[in-house]
C-alpha atoms as a PDB file:
ATOM      1  CA  UNK A   1     -46.500   4.797 128.903  1.00  0.00           C
ATOM      2  CA  UNK A   2     -43.873   2.632 129.989  1.00  0.00           C
ATOM      3  CA  UNK A   3     -41.015   0.219 128.423  1.00  0.00           C
ATOM      4  CA  UNK A   4     -38.911  -2.314 130.142  1.00  0.00           C
ATOM      5  CA  UNK A   5     -35.189  -1.658 130.042  1.00  0.00           C
ATOM      6  CA  UNK A   6     -34.393  -4.243 127.935  1.00  0.00           C
ATOM      7  CA  UNK A   7     -37.122  -2.907 125.097  1.00  0.00           C
ATOM      8  CA  UNK A   8     -35.788   0.479 125.419  1.00  0.00           C
ATOM      9  CA  UNK A   9     -31.984  -0.762 124.927  1.00  0.00           C
ATOM     10  CA  UNK A  10     -33.437  -2.643 121.501  1.00  0.00           C
ATOM     11  CA  UNK A  11     -35.136   0.252 120.518  1.00  0.00           C
ATOM     12  CA  UNK A  12     -31.999   2.554 120.954  1.00  0.00           C
ATOM     13  CA  UNK A  13     -29.746   0.077 118.969  1.00  0.00           C
ATOM     14  CA  UNK A  14     -32.262   0.103 116.053  1.00  0.00           C
ATOM     15  CA  UNK A  15     -32.929   3.198 115.651  1.00  0.00           C
ATOM     16  CA  UNK A  16     -29.026   3.967 115.753  1.00  0.00           C
ATOM     17  CA  UNK A  17     -28.651   1.277 113.066  1.00  0.00           C
ATOM     18  CA  UNK A  18     -30.932   3.125 110.783  1.00  0.00           C
ATOM     19  CA  UNK A  19     -29.460   6.180 111.330  1.00  0.00           C
ATOM     20  CA  UNK A  20     -26.003   4.770 110.542  1.00  0.00           C
ATOM     21  CA  UNK A  21     -27.428   3.477 107.450  1.00  0.00           C
ATOM     22  CA  UNK A  22     -28.961   6.863 106.139  1.00  0.00           C
ATOM     23  CA  UNK A  23     -26.090   8.587 106.785  1.00  0.00           C
ATOM     24  CA  UNK A  24     -23.793   6.106 104.788  1.00  0.00           C
ATOM     25  CA  UNK A  25     -23.421   7.416 101.110  1.00  0.00           C
ATOM     26  CA  UNK A  26     -25.654   5.964  98.585  1.00  0.00           C
ATOM     27  CA  UNK A  27     -23.666   4.089  96.101  1.00  0.00           C
ATOM     28  CA  UNK A  28     -23.213   5.495  92.206  1.00  0.00           C
ATOM     29  CA  UNK A  29     -25.927   4.683  89.948  1.00  0.00           C
ATOM     30  CA  UNK A  30     -25.284   2.622  87.098  1.00  0.00           C
ATOM     31  CA  UNK A  31     -25.691   4.997  84.135  1.00  0.00           C
ATOM     32  CA  UNK A  32     -22.928   7.248  85.604  1.00  0.00           C
ATOM     33  CA  UNK A  33     -20.824   3.922  85.350  1.00  0.00           C
ATOM     34  CA  UNK A  34     -21.979   3.450  81.962  1.00  0.00           C
ATOM     35  CA  UNK A  35     -21.055   7.242  81.072  1.00  0.00           C
ATOM     36  CA  UNK A  36     -17.659   7.325  82.157  1.00  0.00           C
ATOM     37  CA  UNK A  37     -16.843   3.893  80.327  1.00  0.00           C
ATOM     38  CA  UNK A  38     -18.692   4.973  77.291  1.00  0.00           C
ATOM     39  CA  UNK A  39     -16.074   8.263  77.428  1.00  0.00           C
ATOM     40  CA  UNK A  40     -13.204   6.705  77.819  1.00  0.00           C
ATOM     41  CA  UNK A  41     -13.818   4.243  74.869  1.00  0.00           C
ATOM     42  CA  UNK A  42     -14.752   7.559  72.890  1.00  0.00           C
ATOM     43  CA  UNK A  43     -11.032   9.003  74.084  1.00  0.00           C
ATOM     44  CA  UNK A  44      -9.460   5.524  73.082  1.00  0.00           C
ATOM     45  CA  UNK A  45     -11.621   5.492  69.715  1.00  0.00           C
ATOM     46  CA  UNK A  46     -10.787   9.508  68.607  1.00  0.00           C
ATOM     47  CA  UNK A  47      -7.111   8.708  69.647  1.00  0.00           C
ATOM     48  CA  UNK A  48      -6.920   5.427  67.409  1.00  0.00           C
ATOM     49  CA  UNK A  49      -8.810   6.999  64.732  1.00  0.00           C
ATOM     50  CA  UNK A  50      -6.163  10.238  64.720  1.00  0.00           C
ATOM     51  CA  UNK A  51      -3.348   7.614  64.697  1.00  0.00           C
ATOM     52  CA  UNK A  52      -4.692   5.994  61.793  1.00  0.00           C
ATOM     53  CA  UNK A  53      -5.170   9.171  59.551  1.00  0.00           C
ATOM     54  CA  UNK A  54      -1.723   9.710  60.198  1.00  0.00           C
ATOM     55  CA  UNK A  55      -0.601   6.434  58.998  1.00  0.00           C
ATOM     56  CA  UNK A  56      -2.798   6.936  56.102  1.00  0.00           C
ATOM     57  CA  UNK A  57      -1.693  10.632  55.366  1.00  0.00           C
ATOM     58  CA  UNK A  58       1.829   8.900  55.312  1.00  0.00           C
ATOM     59  CA  UNK A  59       0.945   5.913  53.160  1.00  0.00           C
ATOM     60  CA  UNK A  60      -0.543   8.585  50.841  1.00  0.00           C
ATOM     61  CA  UNK A  61       2.610  10.472  50.952  1.00  0.00           C
ATOM     62  CA  UNK A  62       4.732   7.200  50.365  1.00  0.00           C
ATOM     63  CA  UNK A  63       2.467   6.387  47.611  1.00  0.00           C
ATOM     64  CA  UNK A  64       2.749   9.802  45.807  1.00  0.00           C
ATOM     65  CA  UNK A  65       6.221   9.634  46.269  1.00  0.00           C
ATOM     66  CA  UNK A  66       6.521   6.343  44.543  1.00  0.00           C
ATOM     67  CA  UNK A  67       4.541   7.261  41.605  1.00  0.00           C
ATOM     68  CA  UNK A  68       6.644  10.277  40.970  1.00  0.00           C
ATOM     69  CA  UNK A  69       9.768   8.239  41.181  1.00  0.00           C
ATOM     70  CA  UNK A  70       8.220   5.848  38.831  1.00  0.00           C
ATOM     71  CA  UNK A  71       7.219   8.477  36.459  1.00  0.00           C
ATOM     72  CA  UNK A  72      10.762  10.192  36.586  1.00  0.00           C
ATOM     73  CA  UNK A  73      12.323   6.811  35.747  1.00  0.00           C
ATOM     74  CA  UNK A  74      10.034   5.921  33.383  1.00  0.00           C
ATOM     75  CA  UNK A  75      10.737   9.653  31.488  1.00  0.00           C
ATOM     76  CA  UNK A  76      14.598   9.113  31.708  1.00  0.00           C
ATOM     77  CA  UNK A  77      14.318   5.819  30.195  1.00  0.00           C
ATOM     78  CA  UNK A  78      13.555   7.415  27.157  1.00  0.00           C
ATOM     79  CA  UNK A  79      16.246   9.113  24.798  1.00  0.00           C
ATOM     80  CA  UNK A  80      17.011  12.591  24.897  1.00  0.00           C
ATOM     81  CA  UNK A  81      16.203  14.744  21.996  1.00  0.00           C
ATOM     82  CA  UNK A  82      19.357  15.463  20.062  1.00  0.00           C
ATOM     83  CA  UNK A  83      19.235  17.855  17.165  1.00  0.00           C
ATOM     84  CA  UNK A  84      19.315  17.797  14.143  1.00  0.00           C
ATOM     85  CA  UNK A  85      17.357  14.719  13.422  1.00  0.00           C
ATOM     86  CA  UNK A  86      16.818  13.145   9.985  1.00  0.00           C
ATOM     87  CA  UNK A  87      13.740  10.916   9.432  1.00  0.00           C
ATOM     88  CA  UNK A  88      13.005   9.204   5.909  1.00  0.00           C
ATOM     89  CA  UNK A  89       9.685   8.337   4.687  1.00  0.00           C
ATOM     90  CA  UNK A  90       8.271   6.051   1.716  1.00  0.00           C
ATOM     91  CA  UNK A  91       4.429   5.298   0.880  1.00  0.00           C
ATOM     92  CA  UNK A  92       3.150   2.800  -1.665  1.00  0.00           C
ATOM     93  CA  UNK A  93      -0.279   2.951  -2.744  1.00  0.00           C
ATOM     94  CA  UNK A  94      -2.500   3.323  -5.945  1.00  0.00           C
ATOM     95  CA  UNK A  95      -4.549   6.264  -7.467  1.00  0.00           C
ATOM     96  CA  UNK A  96      -7.956   6.818  -9.353  1.00  0.00           C
ATOM     97  CA  UNK A  97      -8.152   9.635 -11.384  1.00  0.00           C
ATOM     98  CA  UNK A  98     -11.524  11.438 -11.116  1.00  0.00           C
ATOM     99  CA  UNK A  99     -11.618  13.637 -13.500  1.00  0.00           C
ATOM    100  CA  UNK A 100      -8.907  15.102 -16.050  1.00  0.00           C
ATOM    101  CA  UNK A 101      -9.260  16.963 -19.389  1.00  0.00           C
ATOM    102  CA  UNK A 102      -6.393  18.900 -21.685  1.00  0.00           C
ATOM    103  CA  UNK A 103      -6.410  20.837 -24.554  1.00  0.00           C
ATOM    104  CA  UNK A 104      -3.488  21.693 -26.888  1.00  0.00           C
ATOM    105  CA  UNK A 105      -4.161  25.012 -28.936  1.00  0.00           C
ATOM    106  CA  UNK A 106      -7.293  26.743 -29.274  1.00  0.00           C
ATOM    107  CA  UNK A 107     -10.221  25.545 -31.684  1.00  0.00           C
ATOM    108  CA  UNK A 108      -9.001  22.098 -31.107  1.00  0.00           C
ATOM    109  CA  UNK A 109     -10.342  18.910 -28.902  1.00  0.00           C
ATOM    110  CA  UNK A 110     -10.948  18.784 -25.239  1.00  0.00           C
ATOM    111  CA  UNK A 111      -9.671  15.379 -24.542  1.00  0.00           C
ATOM    112  CA  UNK A 112     -11.407  13.680 -21.679  1.00  0.00           C
ATOM    113  CA  UNK A 113      -8.782  11.038 -20.012  1.00  0.00           C
ATOM    114  CA  UNK A 114     -11.241   9.358 -18.142  1.00  0.00           C
ATOM    115  CA  UNK A 115     -13.966   9.127 -20.429  1.00  0.00           C
ATOM    116  CA  UNK A 116     -12.120   8.409 -23.843  1.00  0.00           C
ATOM    117  CA  UNK A 117      -8.337   8.313 -23.151  1.00  0.00           C
ATOM    118  CA  UNK A 118      -7.934   5.346 -20.737  1.00  0.00           C
ATOM    119  CA  UNK A 119      -7.292   6.717 -17.360  1.00  0.00           C
ATOM    120  CA  UNK A 120     -10.470   4.757 -15.526  1.00  0.00           C
ATOM    121  CA  UNK A 121      -8.203   2.541 -13.737  1.00  0.00           C
ATOM    122  CA  UNK A 122      -6.237   2.589 -10.517  1.00  0.00           C
ATOM    123  CA  UNK A 123      -2.384   3.479 -10.942  1.00  0.00           C
ATOM    124  CA  UNK A 124       0.642   2.900  -8.784  1.00  0.00           C
ATOM    125  CA  UNK A 125       1.420   5.812  -6.386  1.00  0.00           C
ATOM    126  CA  UNK A 126       4.495   6.232  -4.631  1.00  0.00           C
ATOM    127  CA  UNK A 127       6.599   8.922  -2.787  1.00  0.00           C
ATOM    128  CA  UNK A 128       9.644   9.182  -1.294  1.00  0.00           C
ATOM    129  CA  UNK A 129      10.804  12.108   1.532  1.00  0.00           C
ATOM    130  CA  UNK A 130      13.354  13.022   4.006  1.00  0.00           C
ATOM    131  CA  UNK A 131      12.807  15.481   6.793  1.00  0.00           C
ATOM    132  CA  UNK A 132      15.446  17.275   8.390  1.00  0.00           C
ATOM    133  CA  UNK A 133      14.608  18.525  12.167  1.00  0.00           C
ATOM    134  CA  UNK A 134      17.548  21.452  12.936  1.00  0.00           C
ATOM    135  CA  UNK A 135      16.231  22.162  15.907  1.00  0.00           C
ATOM    136  CA  UNK A 136      12.330  21.890  17.685  1.00  0.00           C
ATOM    137  CA  UNK A 137      11.241  24.613  15.632  1.00  0.00           C
ATOM    138  CA  UNK A 138      13.404  24.825  12.150  1.00  0.00           C
ATOM    139  CA  UNK A 139      12.783  22.007   9.330  1.00  0.00           C
ATOM    140  CA  UNK A 140      13.757  21.307   6.270  1.00  0.00           C
ATOM    141  CA  UNK A 141      11.468  18.391   3.605  1.00  0.00           C
ATOM    142  CA  UNK A 142      12.858  17.190   0.348  1.00  0.00           C
ATOM    143  CA  UNK A 143      10.213  15.129  -1.657  1.00  0.00           C
ATOM    144  CA  UNK A 144      10.433  13.292  -4.991  1.00  0.00           C
ATOM    145  CA  UNK A 145       6.757  12.396  -6.768  1.00  0.00           C
ATOM    146  CA  UNK A 146       6.802  10.198  -9.445  1.00  0.00           C
ATOM    147  CA  UNK A 147       3.526  10.650 -11.568  1.00  0.00           C
ATOM    148  CA  UNK A 148       3.081   8.514 -14.783  1.00  0.00           C
ATOM    149  CA  UNK A 149      -0.254   8.025 -15.909  1.00  0.00           C
ATOM    150  CA  UNK A 150       0.076   5.485 -18.864  1.00  0.00           C
ATOM    151  CA  UNK A 151      -3.126   4.331 -20.673  1.00  0.00           C
ATOM    152  CA  UNK A 152      -4.173   2.995 -24.521  1.00  0.00           C
ATOM    153  CA  UNK A 153      -7.338   3.013 -25.784  1.00  0.00           C
ATOM    154  CA  UNK A 154      -9.110   3.707 -29.388  1.00  0.00           C
ATOM    155  CA  UNK A 155     -10.610   7.111 -29.619  1.00  0.00           C
ATOM    156  CA  UNK A 156     -14.254   6.840 -31.016  1.00  0.00           C
ATOM    157  CA  UNK A 157     -14.209  10.100 -32.203  1.00  0.00           C
ATOM    158  CA  UNK A 158     -11.897  12.856 -34.618  1.00  0.00           C
ATOM    159  CA  UNK A 159     -10.024  14.752 -32.478  1.00  0.00           C
ATOM    160  CA  UNK A 160      -7.268  17.401 -33.217  1.00  0.00           C
ATOM    161  CA  UNK A 161      -4.334  17.856 -30.798  1.00  0.00           C
ATOM    162  CA  UNK A 162      -1.806  20.418 -31.422  1.00  0.00           C
ATOM    163  CA  UNK A 163      -2.955  20.584 -35.195  1.00  0.00           C
ATOM    164  CA  UNK A 164      -2.630  16.941 -35.575  1.00  0.00           C
ATOM    165  CA  UNK A 165      -5.780  15.116 -36.442  1.00  0.00           C
ATOM    166  CA  UNK A 166      -6.466  11.655 -35.076  1.00  0.00           C
ATOM    167  CA  UNK A 167      -9.345  10.311 -36.946  1.00  0.00           C
ATOM    168  CA  UNK A 168     -12.389   8.005 -35.064  1.00  0.00           C
ATOM    169  CA  UNK A 169     -11.295   4.667 -34.722  1.00  0.00           C
ATOM    170  CA  UNK A 170      -7.466   4.776 -34.119  1.00  0.00           C
ATOM    171  CA  UNK A 171      -5.564   3.146 -31.427  1.00  0.00           C
ATOM    172  CA  UNK A 172      -3.485   5.463 -29.511  1.00  0.00           C
ATOM    173  CA  UNK A 173      -1.261   5.688 -26.520  1.00  0.00           C
ATOM    174  CA  UNK A 174      -1.730   8.268 -23.939  1.00  0.00           C
ATOM    175  CA  UNK A 175       1.068   9.519 -22.007  1.00  0.00           C
ATOM    176  CA  UNK A 176       1.040  11.846 -18.746  1.00  0.00           C
ATOM    177  CA  UNK A 177       4.306  11.740 -16.984  1.00  0.00           C
ATOM    178  CA  UNK A 178       4.281  14.698 -14.554  1.00  0.00           C
ATOM    179  CA  UNK A 179       6.778  13.882 -11.648  1.00  0.00           C
ATOM    180  CA  UNK A 180       7.667  16.408  -9.072  1.00  0.00           C
ATOM    181  CA  UNK A 181      10.479  17.503  -6.990  1.00  0.00           C
ATOM    182  CA  UNK A 182       9.929  19.674  -3.705  1.00  0.00           C
ATOM    183  CA  UNK A 183      11.883  21.170  -1.421  1.00  0.00           C
ATOM    184  CA  UNK A 184      10.500  23.259   1.598  1.00  0.00           C
ATOM    185  CA  UNK A 185      10.924  25.171   4.772  1.00  0.00           C
ATOM    186  CA  UNK A 186       8.572  24.651   8.391  1.00  0.00           C
ATOM    187  CA  UNK A 187       8.851  26.277  11.239  1.00  0.00           C
ATOM    188  CA  UNK A 188       6.987  24.389  13.874  1.00  0.00           C
ATOM    189  CA  UNK A 189       4.910  26.425  16.741  1.00  0.00           C
ATOM    190  CA  UNK A 190       5.011  23.391  18.451  1.00  0.00           C
ATOM    191  CA  UNK A 191       7.901  22.689  20.794  1.00  0.00           C
ATOM    192  CA  UNK A 192       6.946  18.893  21.713  1.00  0.00           C
ATOM    193  CA  UNK A 193       9.369  16.869  19.640  1.00  0.00           C
ATOM    194  CA  UNK A 194       6.782  14.344  18.888  1.00  0.00           C
ATOM    195  CA  UNK A 195       3.861  16.740  17.592  1.00  0.00           C
ATOM    196  CA  UNK A 196       3.689  19.367  15.192  1.00  0.00           C
ATOM    197  CA  UNK A 197       1.749  22.713  14.332  1.00  0.00           C
ATOM    198  CA  UNK A 198       3.915  23.548  11.287  1.00  0.00           C
ATOM    199  CA  UNK A 199       3.847  26.568   8.240  1.00  0.00           C
ATOM    200  CA  UNK A 200       6.466  26.968   5.722  1.00  0.00           C
ATOM    201  CA  UNK A 201       6.734  27.390   1.892  1.00  0.00           C
ATOM    202  CA  UNK A 202       7.784  25.588  -0.738  1.00  0.00           C
ATOM    203  CA  UNK A 203       9.673  25.628  -3.885  1.00  0.00           C
ATOM    204  CA  UNK A 204       8.540  22.914  -6.419  1.00  0.00           C
ATOM    205  CA  UNK A 205      10.224  21.750  -9.845  1.00  0.00           C
ATOM    206  CA  UNK A 206       7.756  20.056 -12.066  1.00  0.00           C
ATOM    207  CA  UNK A 207       9.073  17.666 -15.314  1.00  0.00           C
ATOM    208  CA  UNK A 208       6.247  16.941 -17.800  1.00  0.00           C
ATOM    209  CA  UNK A 209       5.894  14.806 -20.681  1.00  0.00           C
ATOM    210  CA  UNK A 210       2.771  14.608 -22.134  1.00  0.00           C
ATOM    211  CA  UNK A 211       2.165  12.659 -25.116  1.00  0.00           C
ATOM    212  CA  UNK A 212      -0.520  11.606 -27.204  1.00  0.00           C
ATOM    213  CA  UNK A 213       0.527   8.968 -30.808  1.00  0.00           C
ATOM    214  CA  UNK A 214      -1.230   6.338 -33.020  1.00  0.00           C
ATOM    215  CA  UNK A 215       0.072   2.925 -32.355  1.00  0.00           C
ATOM    216  CA  UNK A 216       1.074   2.907 -36.148  1.00  0.00           C
ATOM    217  CA  UNK A 217       3.058   5.578 -35.385  1.00  0.00           C
ATOM    218  CA  UNK A 218       1.665   7.861 -38.313  1.00  0.00           C
ATOM    219  CA  UNK A 219       0.733  10.565 -36.220  1.00  0.00           C
ATOM    220  CA  UNK A 220       2.689  11.906 -32.313  1.00  0.00           C
ATOM    221  CA  UNK A 221       2.177  14.937 -30.087  1.00  0.00           C
ATOM    222  CA  UNK A 222       4.759  15.747 -27.467  1.00  0.00           C
ATOM    223  CA  UNK A 223       4.613  18.600 -25.102  1.00  0.00           C
ATOM    224  CA  UNK A 224       7.791  18.876 -22.419  1.00  0.00           C
ATOM    225  CA  UNK A 225       7.871  21.587 -19.697  1.00  0.00           C
ATOM    226  CA  UNK A 226      10.246  22.377 -17.097  1.00  0.00           C
ATOM    227  CA  UNK A 227       9.576  25.124 -14.747  1.00  0.00           C
ATOM    228  CA  UNK A 228       9.847  25.873 -10.594  1.00  0.00           C
ATOM    229  CA  UNK A 229       6.297  26.340  -8.751  1.00  0.00           C
ATOM    230  CA  UNK A 230       6.319  28.704  -5.507  1.00  0.00           C
ATOM    231  CA  UNK A 231       3.865  26.788  -3.349  1.00  0.00           C
ATOM    232  CA  UNK A 232       2.703  27.577   0.321  1.00  0.00           C
ATOM    233  CA  UNK A 233       3.104  24.492   3.141  1.00  0.00           C
ATOM    234  CA  UNK A 234       1.000  23.782   6.078  1.00  0.00           C
ATOM    235  CA  UNK A 235       1.484  20.502   8.230  1.00  0.00           C
ATOM    236  CA  UNK A 236       0.863  18.710  11.586  1.00  0.00           C
ATOM    237  CA  UNK A 237       0.609  15.781  13.967  1.00  0.00           C
ATOM    238  CA  UNK A 238      -1.057  15.341  17.322  1.00  0.00           C
ATOM    239  CA  UNK A 239      -1.045  12.058  19.424  1.00  0.00           C
ATOM    240  CA  UNK A 240      -4.301  10.717  20.470  1.00  0.00           C
ATOM    241  CA  UNK A 241      -2.267   8.766  23.351  1.00  0.00           C
ATOM    242  CA  UNK A 242       1.532   7.240  23.621  1.00  0.00           C
ATOM    243  CA  UNK A 243       1.738   5.476  20.165  1.00  0.00           C
ATOM    244  CA  UNK A 244      -1.440   6.172  18.006  1.00  0.00           C
ATOM    245  CA  UNK A 245      -1.182   9.571  16.283  1.00  0.00           C
ATOM    246  CA  UNK A 246      -3.122  11.569  12.900  1.00  0.00           C
ATOM    247  CA  UNK A 247      -1.865  14.164  11.292  1.00  0.00           C
ATOM    248  CA  UNK A 248      -2.251  16.508   8.147  1.00  0.00           C
ATOM    249  CA  UNK A 249       0.312  18.068   5.035  1.00  0.00           C
ATOM    250  CA  UNK A 250      -0.947  20.173   2.565  1.00  0.00           C
ATOM    251  CA  UNK A 251       0.773  22.184  -0.519  1.00  0.00           C
ATOM    252  CA  UNK A 252      -0.921  24.843  -2.325  1.00  0.00           C
ATOM    253  CA  UNK A 253      -1.198  27.850  -4.425  1.00  0.00           C
ATOM    254  CA  UNK A 254      -2.993  29.312  -7.297  1.00  0.00           C
ATOM    255  CA  UNK A 255      -1.547  32.183  -9.163  1.00  0.00           C
ATOM    256  CA  UNK A 256      -2.734  34.030 -11.932  1.00  0.00           C
ATOM    257  CA  UNK A 257       0.189  36.181 -11.732  1.00  0.00           C
ATOM    258  CA  UNK A 258       3.563  35.168 -13.931  1.00  0.00           C
ATOM    259  CA  UNK A 259       5.914  36.099 -11.405  1.00  0.00           C
ATOM    260  CA  UNK A 260       3.922  33.590  -8.720  1.00  0.00           C
ATOM    261  CA  UNK A 261       3.313  30.642 -11.142  1.00  0.00           C
ATOM    262  CA  UNK A 262       6.936  30.250 -12.358  1.00  0.00           C
ATOM    263  CA  UNK A 263       5.424  30.842 -16.002  1.00  0.00           C
ATOM    264  CA  UNK A 264       7.009  33.748 -18.291  1.00  0.00           C
ATOM    265  CA  UNK A 265       3.828  34.194 -19.449  1.00  0.00           C
ATOM    266  CA  UNK A 266      -0.119  35.163 -17.535  1.00  0.00           C
ATOM    267  CA  UNK A 267      -0.746  31.660 -17.077  1.00  0.00           C
ATOM    268  CA  UNK A 268      -3.320  30.972 -14.206  1.00  0.00           C
ATOM    269  CA  UNK A 269      -1.902  27.761 -12.596  1.00  0.00           C
ATOM    270  CA  UNK A 270      -3.030  26.025  -9.356  1.00  0.00           C
ATOM    271  CA  UNK A 271      -1.919  23.126  -7.324  1.00  0.00           C
ATOM    272  CA  UNK A 272      -3.151  21.232  -4.202  1.00  0.00           C
ATOM    273  CA  UNK A 273      -1.319  18.360  -2.849  1.00  0.00           C
ATOM    274  CA  UNK A 274      -3.683  17.310   0.569  1.00  0.00           C
ATOM    275  CA  UNK A 275      -3.027  14.562   3.047  1.00  0.00           C
ATOM    276  CA  UNK A 276      -4.794  13.173   6.034  1.00  0.00           C
ATOM    277  CA  UNK A 277      -2.988  10.218   7.773  1.00  0.00           C
ATOM    278  CA  UNK A 278      -3.601   8.274  10.988  1.00  0.00           C
ATOM    279  CA  UNK A 279      -0.104   6.504  12.024  1.00  0.00           C
ATOM    280  CA  UNK A 280       1.341   4.025  14.836  1.00  0.00           C
ATOM    281  CA  UNK A 281       4.958   4.265  16.443  1.00  0.00           C
ATOM    282  CA  UNK A 282       5.661   1.022  16.410  1.00  0.00           C
ATOM    283  CA  UNK A 283       9.175   2.107  18.920  1.00  0.00           C
ATOM    284  CA  UNK A 284      11.188   4.728  19.230  1.00  0.00           C
ATOM    285  CA  UNK A 285      12.341   4.522  15.730  1.00  0.00           C
ATOM    286  CA  UNK A 286      10.000   3.158  13.350  1.00  0.00           C
ATOM    287  CA  UNK A 287       6.574   3.936  12.773  1.00  0.00           C
ATOM    288  CA  UNK A 288       3.769   3.167  10.063  1.00  0.00           C
ATOM    289  CA  UNK A 289       0.871   5.254   8.769  1.00  0.00           C
ATOM    290  CA  UNK A 290      -2.106   4.889   6.059  1.00  0.00           C
ATOM    291  CA  UNK A 291      -2.464   8.061   4.114  1.00  0.00           C
ATOM    292  CA  UNK A 292      -5.437   9.597   2.078  1.00  0.00           C
ATOM    293  CA  UNK A 293      -4.367  12.051  -0.476  1.00  0.00           C
ATOM    294  CA  UNK A 294      -6.018  14.526  -2.861  1.00  0.00           C
ATOM    295  CA  UNK A 295      -3.532  15.589  -5.650  1.00  0.00           C
ATOM    296  CA  UNK A 296      -4.907  18.114  -8.249  1.00  0.00           C
ATOM    297  CA  UNK A 297      -4.041  21.287 -10.123  1.00  0.00           C
ATOM    298  CA  UNK A 298      -3.340  22.427 -13.389  1.00  0.00           C
ATOM    299  CA  UNK A 299      -3.222  25.680 -15.863  1.00  0.00           C
ATOM    300  CA  UNK A 300      -4.663  27.714 -18.305  1.00  0.00           C
ATOM    301  CA  UNK A 301      -2.793  30.020 -20.881  1.00  0.00           C
ATOM    302  CA  UNK A 302      -0.966  30.623 -23.802  1.00  0.00           C
ATOM    303  CA  UNK A 303       3.084  30.338 -23.841  1.00  0.00           C
ATOM    304  CA  UNK A 304       4.895  33.024 -25.934  1.00  0.00           C
ATOM    305  CA  UNK A 305       6.872  30.281 -27.573  1.00  0.00           C
ATOM    306  CA  UNK A 306       5.475  27.242 -29.029  1.00  0.00           C
ATOM    307  CA  UNK A 307       7.315  24.555 -29.432  1.00  0.00           C
ATOM    308  CA  UNK A 308       5.042  22.308 -31.984  1.00  0.00           C
ATOM    309  CA  UNK A 309       2.456  22.877 -34.866  1.00  0.00           C
ATOM    310  CA  UNK A 310      -0.056  24.589 -32.329  1.00  0.00           C
ATOM    311  CA  UNK A 311      -0.318  28.036 -30.904  1.00  0.00           C
ATOM    312  CA  UNK A 312       0.779  27.203 -27.456  1.00  0.00           C
ATOM    313  CA  UNK A 313      -2.376  27.371 -25.594  1.00  0.00           C
ATOM    314  CA  UNK A 314      -2.883  24.923 -22.994  1.00  0.00           C
ATOM    315  CA  UNK A 315      -5.745  23.879 -20.521  1.00  0.00           C
ATOM    316  CA  UNK A 316      -5.076  21.085 -18.326  1.00  0.00           C
ATOM    317  CA  UNK A 317      -7.154  20.133 -15.221  1.00  0.00           C
ATOM    318  CA  UNK A 318      -6.488  17.470 -12.802  1.00  0.00           C
ATOM    319  CA  UNK A 319      -8.198  15.923 -10.093  1.00  0.00           C
ATOM    320  CA  UNK A 320      -6.924  12.640  -8.258  1.00  0.00           C
ATOM    321  CA  UNK A 321      -7.478  10.692  -5.233  1.00  0.00           C
ATOM    322  CA  UNK A 322      -4.888   8.156  -3.443  1.00  0.00           C
ATOM    323  CA  UNK A 323      -4.391   6.009  -0.944  1.00  0.00           C
ATOM    324  CA  UNK A 324      -1.285   4.589   0.513  1.00  0.00           C
ATOM    325  CA  UNK A 325       0.650   2.696   3.072  1.00  0.00           C
ATOM    326  CA  UNK A 326       3.799   4.315   4.512  1.00  0.00           C
ATOM    327  CA  UNK A 327       6.450   3.852   7.375  1.00  0.00           C
ATOM    328  CA  UNK A 328       8.713   6.561   9.030  1.00  0.00           C
ATOM    329  CA  UNK A 329      12.325   5.809  10.057  1.00  0.00           C
ATOM    330  CA  UNK A 330      15.026   7.777  11.829  1.00  0.00           C
ATOM    331  CA  UNK A 331      17.784   8.005  10.351  1.00  0.00           C
ATOM    332  CA  UNK A 332      19.841   9.882  13.322  1.00  0.00           C
END
């Protein structure tokens, strides 16, 4: 087949154009471009994330430092604890007698103060004490406890008290006056100046006056006694939070031996003074508290030196419950 020159030239030109187009590099696919952009975007995001994390760490460190500084400043605002420290405590409330019996001289009447002696009502209860803290561990306590139970009643049976008879129907006065003074030493095992876990010993001085009398003055019995009593002591105080706390205080002993119970004869004696209290620190100097208290004890035995008409035998046991409101003040 023969081609004309113009047709041959056109054919060659078209062929060279197609070859040039085939030889030219193909454009980059759209997916590759997107992949590159995504990669760069991730790198930017990672860089920004790292910068944000560093800024967050710096902020946390600064916030922690601010908290530490604020805590330190709050602690520094509190007055430093210096010793010695002296605290005064006062309580006032009421006391109820749960049970109280007494017998003077063997083969004489046992008097039930609650059932027949007029002690079936409430009596005033007060208490004063001083706490001297020598250092975080050593403490001395001085306490005065007035305890006077005066009552009147008409005896409804014939009774004999210390060999003195009282006929049925006799109007009588009953006086049970048993104040005492107590000095204590405590060792505090908790070095925290606000809290306490302490144990020690006490020495109590009783000053008892027990009297029975007819209102006409014809019959009268009086028994008086003063003597020391050694006691074991425990006291604690723990805080719920910065201002509210609870505590306990227990003084007690049971001694069947004369050397321990403060008597010159083998008299069995016992005492228990148990307190449970909850308080509120009004400020650094003053606090208020409510106190629930059991106070009881007694003795049974015979004295070698009877002072009345009786034989010296004594059997006396008292059990009471008291509730008081108290205040505590730092004197220095």
